[in-house]
Amino acid sequence: MDWLIQFTDSMLDFQEEGQYSFFQEFVAWVLIKATVWKIEAMLWTAQFSWGVAQAVLDNLTIGDQVEALWQSTDSYVLSWLTYFKIPQALNIIMTAGTTKFVMRMVGW
């Protein structure tokens, strides 16, 4: 008979205090899962957009045009631009801009 009283007490405790903490823990779990899913989706979208941006830059032959521009530049100026790593900076800026454009099309 003692077990019945303990069981009833534990059920009453759950109804008075346990439901709120259970609901609170459940909502926290749902929010954690939703946040992790959104971050993973954003990372996948960024990788996908970067790949599409690379394909767009290859199809537009922008790299060839920039290379032709560099070859027509004076060697003295070209050495200074290369020293300050301007070609790498232009590459990063073009890739970032195209990736941003693709990500806006995707909706992020």
Protein backbone atom coordinates (compact mmCIF):
# COMPACT_ATOMS: atom_id res chain seq x y z
CA MET A 1 0.00 0.00 0.00
CA ASP A 2 2.97 2.28 0.62
CA TRP A 3 3.99 2.01 -3.04
CA LEU A 4 0.57 3.33 -4.07
CA ILE A 5 1.00 6.41 -1.92
CA GLN A 6 4.48 7.02 -3.30
CA PHE A 7 3.24 6.58 -6.86
CA THR A 8 0.35 8.99 -6.24
CA ASP A 9 2.72 11.52 -4.67
CA SER A 10 5.09 11.30 -7.61
CA MET A 11 2.22 11.78 -10.08
CA LEU A 12 0.97 14.83 -8.15
CA ASP A 13 4.50 16.26 -8.06
CA PHE A 14 4.76 15.79 -11.81
CA GLN A 15 1.45 17.58 -12.36
CA GLU A 16 2.39 20.46 -10.09
CA GLU A 17 6.04 20.97 -11.04
CA GLY A 18 7.12 18.38 -13.58
CA GLN A 19 4.94 19.46 -16.47
CA TYR A 20 6.47 22.93 -16.60
CA SER A 21 10.06 21.66 -16.49
CA PHE A 22 9.23 18.92 -19.03
CA PHE A 23 7.67 21.49 -21.37
CA GLN A 24 10.62 23.83 -20.85
CA GLU A 25 13.15 21.11 -21.63
CA PHE A 26 11.16 20.00 -24.68
CA VAL A 27 10.98 23.53 -26.10
CA ALA A 28 14.71 23.99 -25.48
CA TRP A 29 15.43 20.72 -27.27
CA VAL A 30 13.28 21.76 -30.25
CA LEU A 31 15.01 25.16 -30.46
CA ILE A 32 18.46 23.57 -30.29
CA LYS A 33 17.59 21.14 -33.10
CA ALA A 34 16.09 23.93 -35.23
CA THR A 35 19.15 26.14 -34.72
CA VAL A 36 21.56 23.35 -35.62
CA TRP A 37 19.50 22.51 -38.70
CA LYS A 38 19.48 26.15 -39.85
CA ILE A 39 23.24 26.49 -39.40
CA GLU A 40 23.85 23.26 -41.34
CA ALA A 41 21.49 24.44 -44.08
CA MET A 42 23.30 27.78 -44.29
CA LEU A 43 26.69 26.06 -44.53
CA TRP A 44 25.44 23.73 -47.25
CA THR A 45 23.92 26.66 -49.14
CA ALA A 46 27.18 28.63 -48.90
CA GLN A 47 29.16 25.69 -50.28
CA PHE A 48 26.64 25.16 -53.06
CA SER A 49 26.61 28.87 -53.93
CA TRP A 50 30.40 28.99 -53.99
CA GLY A 51 30.45 26.10 -56.46
CA VAL A 52 27.87 27.79 -58.66
CA ALA A 53 29.81 31.06 -58.49
CA GLN A 54 32.98 29.29 -59.62
CA ALA A 55 31.09 27.80 -62.57
CA VAL A 56 29.65 31.21 -63.47
CA LEU A 57 33.08 32.82 -63.38
CA ASP A 58 34.48 30.03 -65.55
CA ASN A 59 31.64 30.33 -68.07
CA LEU A 60 31.99 34.10 -68.33
CA THR A 61 35.78 33.77 -68.84
CA ILE A 62 36.42 36.65 -66.48
CA GLY A 63 39.66 35.04 -65.38
CA ASP A 64 40.97 35.08 -68.95
CA GLN A 65 40.04 38.73 -69.34
CA VAL A 66 41.81 39.68 -66.12
CA GLU A 67 44.86 37.67 -67.16
CA ALA A 68 44.94 39.47 -70.51
CA LEU A 69 44.73 42.78 -68.65
CA TRP A 70 47.67 41.79 -66.43
CA GLN A 71 49.76 40.77 -69.44
CA SER A 72 49.20 44.15 -71.09
CA THR A 73 50.34 46.01 -67.96
CA ASP A 74 53.83 47.49 -67.75
CA SER A 75 56.30 45.14 -66.03
CA TYR A 76 57.31 47.73 -63.41
CA VAL A 77 53.70 48.36 -62.40
CA LEU A 78 52.95 44.64 -62.59
CA SER A 79 55.78 43.86 -60.18
CA TRP A 80 54.40 46.33 -57.63
CA LEU A 81 50.87 45.02 -58.03
CA THR A 82 52.10 41.47 -57.60
CA TYR A 83 54.16 42.50 -54.57
CA PHE A 84 51.00 43.85 -52.89
CA LYS A 85 49.12 40.71 -53.98
CA ILE A 86 46.51 42.61 -55.96
CA PRO A 87 45.74 39.61 -58.26
CA GLN A 88 44.79 37.46 -55.26
CA ALA A 89 42.69 40.29 -53.83
CA LEU A 90 40.82 40.70 -57.12
CA ASN A 91 40.23 36.96 -57.27
CA ILE A 92 38.78 36.95 -53.74
CA ILE A 93 36.59 39.99 -54.44
CA MET A 94 35.22 38.55 -57.69
CA THR A 95 34.50 35.18 -56.11
CA ALA A 96 32.87 36.77 -53.06
CA GLY A 97 30.71 39.07 -55.19
CA THR A 98 29.53 36.26 -57.41
CA THR A 99 28.85 34.01 -54.40
CA LYS A 100 26.85 36.82 -52.80
CA PHE A 101 24.84 37.20 -56.00
CA VAL A 102 24.11 33.46 -56.14
CA MET A 103 23.19 33.33 -52.44
CA ARG A 104 20.71 36.17 -52.96
CA MET A 105 19.15 34.20 -55.80
CA VAL A 106 18.88 31.15 -53.53
CA GLY A 107 17.25 33.28 -50.86
CA TRP A 108 19.79 33.57 -48.06
